[in-house]
Amino acid sequence: MSAHETALAVRALPVPAPGVIVQAMDEGVVLFDGRSETYFGLNTVGAAVWALLPPAHRTVGAVCGQLSATYPEVPMATLLADVNALLDDLVAAGLATTEPVP
């Protein structure tokens, strides 16, 4: 694993933002934040990442390890990059936070 990949793997996971509503669908989930009226759809892999956020796991590497067991054909570098990109999108949309939740 490269130094960049190692840095991505040890990144602490954000936590779901308070008040986010999660609705399961046939092909994933829809997240809704009533404060900002933000809707965000996740496919089945995105839904799995959401389900693996704290308290289930604490680092991106742990989430990617779990996903790798389900999707062994996907290189770890791809998992790390894709999971980190999704987490960045969730934080940017206000659906997850890196701040302590009261």
PDB file of N, CA and C in Angstrom:
ATOM      1  N   MET A   1       0.851  -1.161   0.000  1.00  0.00           N
ATOM      2  CA  MET A   1       0.000   0.000   0.000  1.00  0.00           C
ATOM      3  C   MET A   1       0.907   1.237   0.000  1.00  0.00           C
ATOM      4  N   SER A   2       0.573   2.197  -0.866  1.00  0.00           N
ATOM      5  CA  SER A   2       1.369   3.418  -0.944  1.00  0.00           C
ATOM      6  C   SER A   2       1.121   4.295   0.287  1.00  0.00           C
ATOM      7  N   ALA A   3       1.971   5.295   0.463  1.00  0.00           N
ATOM      8  CA  ALA A   3       1.798   6.218   1.599  1.00  0.00           C
ATOM      9  C   ALA A   3       0.457   6.939   1.492  1.00  0.00           C
ATOM     10  N   HIS A   4       0.062   7.291   0.275  1.00  0.00           N
ATOM     11  CA  HIS A   4      -1.229   7.969   0.069  1.00  0.00           C
ATOM     12  C   HIS A   4      -2.383   7.045   0.457  1.00  0.00           C
ATOM     13  N   GLU A   5      -2.299   5.801   0.024  1.00  0.00           N
ATOM     14  CA  GLU A   5      -3.351   4.839   0.362  1.00  0.00           C
ATOM     15  C   GLU A   5      -3.394   4.586   1.864  1.00  0.00           C
ATOM     16  N   THR A   6      -2.245   4.532   2.500  1.00  0.00           N
ATOM     17  CA  THR A   6      -2.202   4.350   3.949  1.00  0.00           C
ATOM     18  C   THR A   6      -2.875   5.524   4.645  1.00  0.00           C
ATOM     19  N   ALA A   7      -2.611   6.741   4.176  1.00  0.00           N
ATOM     20  CA  ALA A   7      -3.251   7.923   4.764  1.00  0.00           C
ATOM     21  C   ALA A   7      -4.761   7.869   4.591  1.00  0.00           C
ATOM     22  N   LEU A   8      -5.222   7.415   3.421  1.00  0.00           N
ATOM     23  CA  LEU A   8      -6.661   7.288   3.195  1.00  0.00           C
ATOM     24  C   LEU A   8      -7.270   6.228   4.109  1.00  0.00           C
ATOM     25  N   ALA A   9      -6.541   5.144   4.347  1.00  0.00           N
ATOM     26  CA  ALA A   9      -7.063   4.028   5.138  1.00  0.00           C
ATOM     27  C   ALA A   9      -7.204   4.368   6.614  1.00  0.00           C
ATOM     28  N   VAL A  10      -6.305   5.190   7.148  1.00  0.00           N
ATOM     29  CA  VAL A  10      -6.352   5.489   8.582  1.00  0.00           C
ATOM     30  C   VAL A  10      -7.254   6.690   8.895  1.00  0.00           C
ATOM     31  N   ARG A  11      -7.816   7.300   7.888  1.00  0.00           N
ATOM     32  CA  ARG A  11      -8.728   8.426   8.091  1.00  0.00           C
ATOM     33  C   ARG A  11      -9.887   8.004   8.989  1.00  0.00           C
ATOM     34  N   ALA A  12     -10.165   8.827   9.985  1.00  0.00           N
ATOM     35  CA  ALA A  12     -11.305   8.558  10.863  1.00  0.00           C
ATOM     36  C   ALA A  12     -12.598   8.796  10.083  1.00  0.00           C
ATOM     37  N   LEU A  13     -13.567   7.976  10.353  1.00  0.00           N
ATOM     38  CA  LEU A  13     -14.847   8.094   9.663  1.00  0.00           C
ATOM     39  C   LEU A  13     -15.691   9.231  10.235  1.00  0.00           C
ATOM     40  N   PRO A  14     -16.426   9.921   9.372  1.00  0.00           N
ATOM     41  CA  PRO A  14     -17.416  10.859   9.889  1.00  0.00           C
ATOM     42  C   PRO A  14     -18.584  10.056  10.457  1.00  0.00           C
ATOM     43  N   VAL A  15     -19.432  10.726  11.190  1.00  0.00           N
ATOM     44  CA  VAL A  15     -20.624  10.076  11.749  1.00  0.00           C
ATOM     45  C   VAL A  15     -21.859  10.672  11.079  1.00  0.00           C
ATOM     46  N   PRO A  16     -22.940   9.902  11.020  1.00  0.00           N
ATOM     47  CA  PRO A  16     -24.166  10.472  10.471  1.00  0.00           C
ATOM     48  C   PRO A  16     -24.552  11.732  11.240  1.00  0.00           C
ATOM     49  N   ALA A  17     -24.955  12.762  10.525  1.00  0.00           N
ATOM     50  CA  ALA A  17     -25.376  14.005  11.161  1.00  0.00           C
ATOM     51  C   ALA A  17     -26.694  13.781  11.896  1.00  0.00           C
ATOM     52  N   PRO A  18     -26.874  14.458  13.016  1.00  0.00           N
ATOM     53  CA  PRO A  18     -28.128  14.319  13.759  1.00  0.00           C
ATOM     54  C   PRO A  18     -29.318  14.719  12.886  1.00  0.00           C
ATOM     55  N   GLY A  19     -30.374  13.968  12.990  1.00  0.00           N
ATOM     56  CA  GLY A  19     -31.603  14.297  12.282  1.00  0.00           C
ATOM     57  C   GLY A  19     -31.701  13.772  10.868  1.00  0.00           C
ATOM     58  N   VAL A  20     -30.656  13.124  10.348  1.00  0.00           N
ATOM     59  CA  VAL A  20     -30.730  12.570   9.000  1.00  0.00           C
ATOM     60  C   VAL A  20     -31.642  11.349   9.021  1.00  0.00           C
ATOM     61  N   ILE A  21     -32.590  11.351   8.122  1.00  0.00           N
ATOM     62  CA  ILE A  21     -33.541  10.241   7.995  1.00  0.00           C
ATOM     63  C   ILE A  21     -33.051   9.320   6.889  1.00  0.00           C
ATOM     64  N   VAL A  22     -33.066   8.028   7.157  1.00  0.00           N
ATOM     65  CA  VAL A  22     -32.601   7.031   6.190  1.00  0.00           C
ATOM     66  C   VAL A  22     -33.799   6.169   5.793  1.00  0.00           C
ATOM     67  N   GLN A  23     -34.045   6.094   4.497  1.00  0.00           N
ATOM     68  CA  GLN A  23     -35.142   5.271   3.992  1.00  0.00           C
ATOM     69  C   GLN A  23     -34.572   4.219   3.036  1.00  0.00           C
ATOM     70  N   ALA A  24     -34.735   2.960   3.406  1.00  0.00           N
ATOM     71  CA  ALA A  24     -34.262   1.870   2.560  1.00  0.00           C
ATOM     72  C   ALA A  24     -35.106   1.777   1.294  1.00  0.00           C
ATOM     73  N   MET A  25     -34.450   1.493   0.194  1.00  0.00           N
ATOM     74  CA  MET A  25     -35.104   1.286  -1.095  1.00  0.00           C
ATOM     75  C   MET A  25     -34.622  -0.064  -1.632  1.00  0.00           C
ATOM     76  N   ASP A  26     -35.217  -0.520  -2.726  1.00  0.00           N
ATOM     77  CA  ASP A  26     -34.801  -1.792  -3.309  1.00  0.00           C
ATOM     78  C   ASP A  26     -33.330  -1.796  -3.714  1.00  0.00           C
ATOM     79  N   GLU A  27     -32.837  -0.693  -4.220  1.00  0.00           N
ATOM     80  CA  GLU A  27     -31.473  -0.629  -4.744  1.00  0.00           C
ATOM     81  C   GLU A  27     -30.575   0.301  -3.945  1.00  0.00           C
ATOM     82  N   GLY A  28     -30.785   0.434  -2.634  1.00  0.00           N
ATOM     83  CA  GLY A  28     -29.946   1.290  -1.807  1.00  0.00           C
ATOM     84  C   GLY A  28     -30.749   1.994  -0.747  1.00  0.00           C
ATOM     85  N   VAL A  29     -30.381   3.252  -0.478  1.00  0.00           N
ATOM     86  CA  VAL A  29     -31.107   4.068   0.504  1.00  0.00           C
ATOM     87  C   VAL A  29     -31.186   5.499   0.010  1.00  0.00           C
ATOM     88  N   VAL A  30     -32.138   6.221   0.574  1.00  0.00           N
ATOM     89  CA  VAL A  30     -32.230   7.664   0.371  1.00  0.00           C
ATOM     90  C   VAL A  30     -32.014   8.304   1.734  1.00  0.00           C
ATOM     91  N   LEU A  31     -31.127   9.293   1.771  1.00  0.00           N
ATOM     92  CA  LEU A  31     -30.865  10.060   2.986  1.00  0.00           C
ATOM     93  C   LEU A  31     -31.574  11.399   2.844  1.00  0.00           C
ATOM     94  N   PHE A  32     -32.178  11.869   3.931  1.00  0.00           N
ATOM     95  CA  PHE A  32     -32.854  13.159   3.904  1.00  0.00           C
ATOM     96  C   PHE A  32     -32.491  13.945   5.153  1.00  0.00           C
ATOM     97  N   ASP A  33     -32.074  15.188   4.935  1.00  0.00           N
ATOM     98  CA  ASP A  33     -31.784  16.116   6.021  1.00  0.00           C
ATOM     99  C   ASP A  33     -32.857  17.200   5.988  1.00  0.00           C
ATOM    100  N   GLY A  34     -33.770  17.159   6.941  1.00  0.00           N
ATOM    101  CA  GLY A  34     -34.874  18.105   6.990  1.00  0.00           C
ATOM    102  C   GLY A  34     -34.447  19.539   7.224  1.00  0.00           C
ATOM    103  N   ARG A  35     -33.296  19.739   7.878  1.00  0.00           N
ATOM    104  CA  ARG A  35     -32.829  21.109   8.135  1.00  0.00           C
ATOM    105  C   ARG A  35     -32.478  21.821   6.843  1.00  0.00           C
ATOM    106  N   SER A  36     -31.791  21.129   5.963  1.00  0.00           N
ATOM    107  CA  SER A  36     -31.370  21.750   4.704  1.00  0.00           C
ATOM    108  C   SER A  36     -32.212  21.286   3.517  1.00  0.00           C
ATOM    109  N   GLU A  37     -33.158  20.378   3.772  1.00  0.00           N
ATOM    110  CA  GLU A  37     -33.994  19.776   2.732  1.00  0.00           C
ATOM    111  C   GLU A  37     -33.144  19.116   1.647  1.00  0.00           C
ATOM    112  N   THR A  38     -32.082  18.447   2.081  1.00  0.00           N
ATOM    113  CA  THR A  38     -31.172  17.755   1.181  1.00  0.00           C
ATOM    114  C   THR A  38     -31.562  16.285   1.079  1.00  0.00           C
ATOM    115  N   TYR A  39     -31.746  15.829  -0.154  1.00  0.00           N
ATOM    116  CA  TYR A  39     -31.943  14.413  -0.440  1.00  0.00           C
ATOM    117  C   TYR A  39     -30.669  13.888  -1.079  1.00  0.00           C
ATOM    118  N   PHE A  40     -30.311  12.657  -0.745  1.00  0.00           N
ATOM    119  CA  PHE A  40     -29.097  12.066  -1.298  1.00  0.00           C
ATOM    120  C   PHE A  40     -29.361  10.579  -1.478  1.00  0.00           C
ATOM    121  N   GLY A  41     -29.252  10.082  -2.704  1.00  0.00           N
ATOM    122  CA  GLY A  41     -29.468   8.668  -2.970  1.00  0.00           C
ATOM    123  C   GLY A  41     -28.168   7.894  -2.975  1.00  0.00           C
ATOM    124  N   LEU A  42     -28.183   6.723  -2.352  1.00  0.00           N
ATOM    125  CA  LEU A  42     -27.011   5.838  -2.332  1.00  0.00           C
ATOM    126  C   LEU A  42     -27.397   4.495  -2.940  1.00  0.00           C
ATOM    127  N   ASN A  43     -26.542   3.988  -3.825  1.00  0.00           N
ATOM    128  CA  ASN A  43     -26.778   2.649  -4.359  1.00  0.00           C
ATOM    129  C   ASN A  43     -26.462   1.620  -3.273  1.00  0.00           C
ATOM    130  N   THR A  44     -26.486   0.353  -3.619  1.00  0.00           N
ATOM    131  CA  THR A  44     -26.292  -0.679  -2.594  1.00  0.00           C
ATOM    132  C   THR A  44     -24.915  -0.602  -1.944  1.00  0.00           C
ATOM    133  N   VAL A  45     -23.885  -0.252  -2.711  1.00  0.00           N
ATOM    134  CA  VAL A  45     -22.543  -0.141  -2.125  1.00  0.00           C
ATOM    135  C   VAL A  45     -22.486   1.085  -1.215  1.00  0.00           C
ATOM    136  N   GLY A  46     -23.041   2.201  -1.666  1.00  0.00           N
ATOM    137  CA  GLY A  46     -23.093   3.400  -0.828  1.00  0.00           C
ATOM    138  C   GLY A  46     -23.881   3.155   0.448  1.00  0.00           C
ATOM    139  N   ALA A  47     -24.970   2.405   0.330  1.00  0.00           N
ATOM    140  CA  ALA A  47     -25.772   2.066   1.504  1.00  0.00           C
ATOM    141  C   ALA A  47     -24.958   1.212   2.476  1.00  0.00           C
ATOM    142  N   ALA A  48     -24.138   0.323   1.940  1.00  0.00           N
ATOM    143  CA  ALA A  48     -23.278  -0.502   2.803  1.00  0.00           C
ATOM    144  C   ALA A  48     -22.267   0.384   3.530  1.00  0.00           C
ATOM    145  N   VAL A  49     -21.697   1.365   2.835  1.00  0.00           N
ATOM    146  CA  VAL A  49     -20.754   2.286   3.481  1.00  0.00           C
ATOM    147  C   VAL A  49     -21.466   3.033   4.599  1.00  0.00           C
ATOM    148  N   TRP A  50     -22.659   3.549   4.325  1.00  0.00           N
ATOM    149  CA  TRP A  50     -23.428   4.280   5.342  1.00  0.00           C
ATOM    150  C   TRP A  50     -23.644   3.400   6.571  1.00  0.00           C
ATOM    151  N   ALA A  51     -24.004   2.149   6.352  1.00  0.00           N
ATOM    152  CA  ALA A  51     -24.269   1.224   7.461  1.00  0.00           C
ATOM    153  C   ALA A  51     -23.006   0.906   8.258  1.00  0.00           C
ATOM    154  N   LEU A  52     -21.837   1.075   7.651  1.00  0.00           N
ATOM    155  CA  LEU A  52     -20.576   0.757   8.314  1.00  0.00           C
ATOM    156  C   LEU A  52     -19.947   1.949   9.029  1.00  0.00           C
ATOM    157  N   LEU A  53     -20.613   3.113   8.975  1.00  0.00           N
ATOM    158  CA  LEU A  53     -20.117   4.277   9.708  1.00  0.00           C
ATOM    159  C   LEU A  53     -20.204   4.008  11.209  1.00  0.00           C
ATOM    160  N   PRO A  54     -19.514   4.839  12.023  1.00  0.00           N
ATOM    161  CA  PRO A  54     -19.563   4.624  13.475  1.00  0.00           C
ATOM    162  C   PRO A  54     -21.010   4.547  13.976  1.00  0.00           C
ATOM    163  N   PRO A  55     -21.242   3.669  14.901  1.00  0.00           N
ATOM    164  CA  PRO A  55     -20.279   2.959  15.745  1.00  0.00           C
ATOM    165  C   PRO A  55     -19.782   1.637  15.165  1.00  0.00           C
ATOM    166  N   ALA A  56     -20.238   1.250  13.969  1.00  0.00           N
ATOM    167  CA  ALA A  56     -19.831  -0.044  13.406  1.00  0.00           C
ATOM    168  C   ALA A  56     -18.326  -0.123  13.172  1.00  0.00           C
ATOM    169  N   HIS A  57     -17.747   0.930  12.599  1.00  0.00           N
ATOM    170  CA  HIS A  57     -16.304   0.983  12.333  1.00  0.00           C
ATOM    171  C   HIS A  57     -15.801   2.380  12.629  1.00  0.00           C
ATOM    172  N   ARG A  58     -14.473   2.508  12.764  1.00  0.00           N
ATOM    173  CA  ARG A  58     -13.882   3.807  13.122  1.00  0.00           C
ATOM    174  C   ARG A  58     -13.005   4.400  12.033  1.00  0.00           C
ATOM    175  N   THR A  59     -12.514   3.565  11.097  1.00  0.00           N
ATOM    176  CA  THR A  59     -11.625   4.078  10.052  1.00  0.00           C
ATOM    177  C   THR A  59     -12.098   3.659   8.667  1.00  0.00           C
ATOM    178  N   VAL A  60     -11.632   4.414   7.674  1.00  0.00           N
ATOM    179  CA  VAL A  60     -11.935   4.083   6.290  1.00  0.00           C
ATOM    180  C   VAL A  60     -11.381   2.701   5.946  1.00  0.00           C
ATOM    181  N   GLY A  61     -10.189   2.389   6.452  1.00  0.00           N
ATOM    182  CA  GLY A  61      -9.594   1.090   6.183  1.00  0.00           C
ATOM    183  C   GLY A  61     -10.460  -0.064   6.664  1.00  0.00           C
ATOM    184  N   ALA A  62     -11.092   0.097   7.812  1.00  0.00           N
ATOM    185  CA  ALA A  62     -11.970  -0.954   8.333  1.00  0.00           C
ATOM    186  C   ALA A  62     -13.181  -1.136   7.429  1.00  0.00           C
ATOM    187  N   VAL A  63     -13.745  -0.034   6.959  1.00  0.00           N
ATOM    188  CA  VAL A  63     -14.887  -0.106   6.038  1.00  0.00           C
ATOM    189  C   VAL A  63     -14.459  -0.788   4.745  1.00  0.00           C
ATOM    190  N   CYS A  64     -13.313  -0.388   4.214  1.00  0.00           N
ATOM    191  CA  CYS A  64     -12.833  -0.976   2.963  1.00  0.00           C
ATOM    192  C   CYS A  64     -12.504  -2.456   3.133  1.00  0.00           C
ATOM    193  N   GLY A  65     -11.998  -2.835   4.284  1.00  0.00           N
ATOM    194  CA  GLY A  65     -11.754  -4.252   4.557  1.00  0.00           C
ATOM    195  C   GLY A  65     -13.042  -5.052   4.514  1.00  0.00           C
ATOM    196  N   GLN A  66     -14.082  -4.504   5.090  1.00  0.00           N
ATOM    197  CA  GLN A  66     -15.396  -5.162   5.070  1.00  0.00           C
ATOM    198  C   GLN A  66     -15.928  -5.249   3.635  1.00  0.00           C
ATOM    199  N   LEU A  67     -15.819  -4.150   2.893  1.00  0.00           N
ATOM    200  CA  LEU A  67     -16.290  -4.147   1.505  1.00  0.00           C
ATOM    201  C   LEU A  67     -15.479  -5.107   0.640  1.00  0.00           C
ATOM    202  N   SER A  68     -14.182  -5.214   0.911  1.00  0.00           N
ATOM    203  CA  SER A  68     -13.320  -6.103   0.145  1.00  0.00           C
ATOM    204  C   SER A  68     -13.745  -7.561   0.288  1.00  0.00           C
ATOM    205  N   ALA A  69     -14.272  -7.913   1.443  1.00  0.00           N
ATOM    206  CA  ALA A  69     -14.764  -9.279   1.638  1.00  0.00           C
ATOM    207  C   ALA A  69     -15.975  -9.551   0.747  1.00  0.00           C
ATOM    208  N   THR A  70     -16.774  -8.519   0.507  1.00  0.00           N
ATOM    209  CA  THR A  70     -17.964  -8.658  -0.335  1.00  0.00           C
ATOM    210  C   THR A  70     -17.626  -8.514  -1.816  1.00  0.00           C
ATOM    211  N   TYR A  71     -16.659  -7.656  -2.109  1.00  0.00           N
ATOM    212  CA  TYR A  71     -16.275  -7.363  -3.499  1.00  0.00           C
ATOM    213  C   TYR A  71     -14.773  -7.632  -3.687  1.00  0.00           C
ATOM    214  N   PRO A  72     -14.346  -8.901  -3.619  1.00  0.00           N
ATOM    215  CA  PRO A  72     -12.915  -9.209  -3.674  1.00  0.00           C
ATOM    216  C   PRO A  72     -12.258  -8.854  -5.008  1.00  0.00           C
ATOM    217  N   GLU A  73     -13.050  -8.673  -6.033  1.00  0.00           N
ATOM    218  CA  GLU A  73     -12.494  -8.353  -7.347  1.00  0.00           C
ATOM    219  C   GLU A  73     -12.094  -6.879  -7.482  1.00  0.00           C
ATOM    220  N   VAL A  74     -12.514  -6.048  -6.537  1.00  0.00           N
ATOM    221  CA  VAL A  74     -12.212  -4.619  -6.595  1.00  0.00           C
ATOM    222  C   VAL A  74     -10.895  -4.365  -5.856  1.00  0.00           C
ATOM    223  N   PRO A  75      -9.930  -3.732  -6.527  1.00  0.00           N
ATOM    224  CA  PRO A  75      -8.653  -3.447  -5.864  1.00  0.00           C
ATOM    225  C   PRO A  75      -8.844  -2.535  -4.643  1.00  0.00           C
ATOM    226  N   MET A  76      -8.038  -2.757  -3.622  1.00  0.00           N
ATOM    227  CA  MET A  76      -8.143  -1.958  -2.400  1.00  0.00           C
ATOM    228  C   MET A  76      -7.953  -0.474  -2.694  1.00  0.00           C
ATOM    229  N   ALA A  77      -7.068  -0.131  -3.606  1.00  0.00           N
ATOM    230  CA  ALA A  77      -6.850   1.282  -3.956  1.00  0.00           C
ATOM    231  C   ALA A  77      -8.129   1.914  -4.489  1.00  0.00           C
ATOM    232  N   THR A  78      -8.885   1.171  -5.267  1.00  0.00           N
ATOM    233  CA  THR A  78     -10.157   1.674  -5.802  1.00  0.00           C
ATOM    234  C   THR A  78     -11.168   1.847  -4.681  1.00  0.00           C
ATOM    235  N   LEU A  79     -11.256   0.867  -3.800  1.00  0.00           N
ATOM    236  CA  LEU A  79     -12.168   0.980  -2.658  1.00  0.00           C
ATOM    237  C   LEU A  79     -11.833   2.198  -1.808  1.00  0.00           C
ATOM    238  N   LEU A  80     -10.559   2.366  -1.484  1.00  0.00           N
ATOM    239  CA  LEU A  80     -10.148   3.507  -0.665  1.00  0.00           C
ATOM    240  C   LEU A  80     -10.516   4.832  -1.325  1.00  0.00           C
ATOM    241  N   ALA A  81     -10.226   4.964  -2.609  1.00  0.00           N
ATOM    242  CA  ALA A  81     -10.522   6.212  -3.315  1.00  0.00           C
ATOM    243  C   ALA A  81     -12.028   6.465  -3.381  1.00  0.00           C
ATOM    244  N   ASP A  82     -12.803   5.433  -3.707  1.00  0.00           N
ATOM    245  CA  ASP A  82     -14.246   5.599  -3.852  1.00  0.00           C
ATOM    246  C   ASP A  82     -14.931   5.881  -2.518  1.00  0.00           C
ATOM    247  N   VAL A  83     -14.536   5.169  -1.464  1.00  0.00           N
ATOM    248  CA  VAL A  83     -15.141   5.395  -0.145  1.00  0.00           C
ATOM    249  C   VAL A  83     -14.798   6.793   0.360  1.00  0.00           C
ATOM    250  N   ASN A  84     -13.556   7.211   0.199  1.00  0.00           N
ATOM    251  CA  ASN A  84     -13.184   8.559   0.635  1.00  0.00           C
ATOM    252  C   ASN A  84     -13.939   9.625  -0.144  1.00  0.00           C
ATOM    253  N   ALA A  85     -14.132   9.434  -1.437  1.00  0.00           N
ATOM    254  CA  ALA A  85     -14.891  10.394  -2.243  1.00  0.00           C
ATOM    255  C   ALA A  85     -16.339  10.461  -1.766  1.00  0.00           C
ATOM    256  N   LEU A  86     -16.946   9.318  -1.482  1.00  0.00           N
ATOM    257  CA  LEU A  86     -18.318   9.306  -0.979  1.00  0.00           C
ATOM    258  C   LEU A  86     -18.401  10.014   0.372  1.00  0.00           C
ATOM    259  N   LEU A  87     -17.466   9.732   1.257  1.00  0.00           N
ATOM    260  CA  LEU A  87     -17.488  10.379   2.570  1.00  0.00           C
ATOM    261  C   LEU A  87     -17.348  11.893   2.434  1.00  0.00           C
ATOM    262  N   ASP A  88     -16.478  12.343   1.538  1.00  0.00           N
ATOM    263  CA  ASP A  88     -16.341  13.781   1.300  1.00  0.00           C
ATOM    264  C   ASP A  88     -17.661  14.385   0.818  1.00  0.00           C
ATOM    265  N   ASP A  89     -18.355  13.676  -0.073  1.00  0.00           N
ATOM    266  CA  ASP A  89     -19.651  14.154  -0.581  1.00  0.00           C
ATOM    267  C   ASP A  89     -20.691  14.217   0.537  1.00  0.00           C
ATOM    268  N   LEU A  90     -20.714  13.199   1.394  1.00  0.00           N
ATOM    269  CA  LEU A  90     -21.686  13.172   2.492  1.00  0.00           C
ATOM    270  C   LEU A  90     -21.439  14.316   3.478  1.00  0.00           C
ATOM    271  N   VAL A  91     -20.177  14.582   3.781  1.00  0.00           N
ATOM    272  CA  VAL A  91     -19.836  15.677   4.688  1.00  0.00           C
ATOM    273  C   VAL A  91     -20.186  17.017   4.032  1.00  0.00           C
ATOM    274  N   ALA A  92     -19.848  17.173   2.756  1.00  0.00           N
ATOM    275  CA  ALA A  92     -20.134  18.421   2.048  1.00  0.00           C
ATOM    276  C   ALA A  92     -21.642  18.698   1.994  1.00  0.00           C
ATOM    277  N   ALA A  93     -22.446  17.641   1.898  1.00  0.00           N
ATOM    278  CA  ALA A  93     -23.899  17.787   1.848  1.00  0.00           C
ATOM    279  C   ALA A  93     -24.513  17.963   3.233  1.00  0.00           C
ATOM    280  N   GLY A  94     -23.699  17.847   4.290  1.00  0.00           N
ATOM    281  CA  GLY A  94     -24.205  17.993   5.648  1.00  0.00           C
ATOM    282  C   GLY A  94     -24.893  16.754   6.196  1.00  0.00           C
ATOM    283  N   LEU A  95     -24.752  15.632   5.503  1.00  0.00           N
ATOM    284  CA  LEU A  95     -25.399  14.395   5.932  1.00  0.00           C
ATOM    285  C   LEU A  95     -24.543  13.591   6.910  1.00  0.00           C
ATOM    286  N   ALA A  96     -23.268  13.899   6.938  1.00  0.00           N
ATOM    287  CA  ALA A  96     -22.341  13.289   7.894  1.00  0.00           C
ATOM    288  C   ALA A  96     -21.442  14.412   8.407  1.00  0.00           C
ATOM    289  N   THR A  97     -20.872  14.186   9.581  1.00  0.00           N
ATOM    290  CA  THR A  97     -20.063  15.237  10.185  1.00  0.00           C
ATOM    291  C   THR A  97     -18.806  14.657  10.815  1.00  0.00           C
ATOM    292  N   THR A  98     -17.772  15.466  10.784  1.00  0.00           N
ATOM    293  CA  THR A  98     -16.533  15.086  11.462  1.00  0.00           C
ATOM    294  C   THR A  98     -16.478  15.732  12.854  1.00  0.00           C
ATOM    295  N   GLU A  99     -17.478  16.527  13.162  1.00  0.00           N
ATOM    296  CA  GLU A  99     -17.571  17.190  14.462  1.00  0.00           C
ATOM    297  C   GLU A  99     -18.181  16.232  15.477  1.00  0.00           C
ATOM    298  N   PRO A 100     -17.815  16.356  16.744  1.00  0.00           N
ATOM    299  CA  PRO A 100     -18.455  15.519  17.779  1.00  0.00           C
ATOM    300  C   PRO A 100     -19.960  15.779  17.810  1.00  0.00           C
ATOM    301  N   VAL A 101     -20.707  14.692  17.879  1.00  0.00           N
ATOM    302  CA  VAL A 101     -22.163  14.788  17.924  1.00  0.00           C
ATOM    303  C   VAL A 101     -22.591  14.821  19.385  1.00  0.00           C
ATOM    304  N   PRO A 102     -23.391  15.842  19.771  1.00  0.00           N
ATOM    305  CA  PRO A 102     -23.806  15.939  21.183  1.00  0.00           C
ATOM    306  C   PRO A 102     -24.679  14.776  21.611  1.00  0.00           C
TER     307      PRO A 102
END
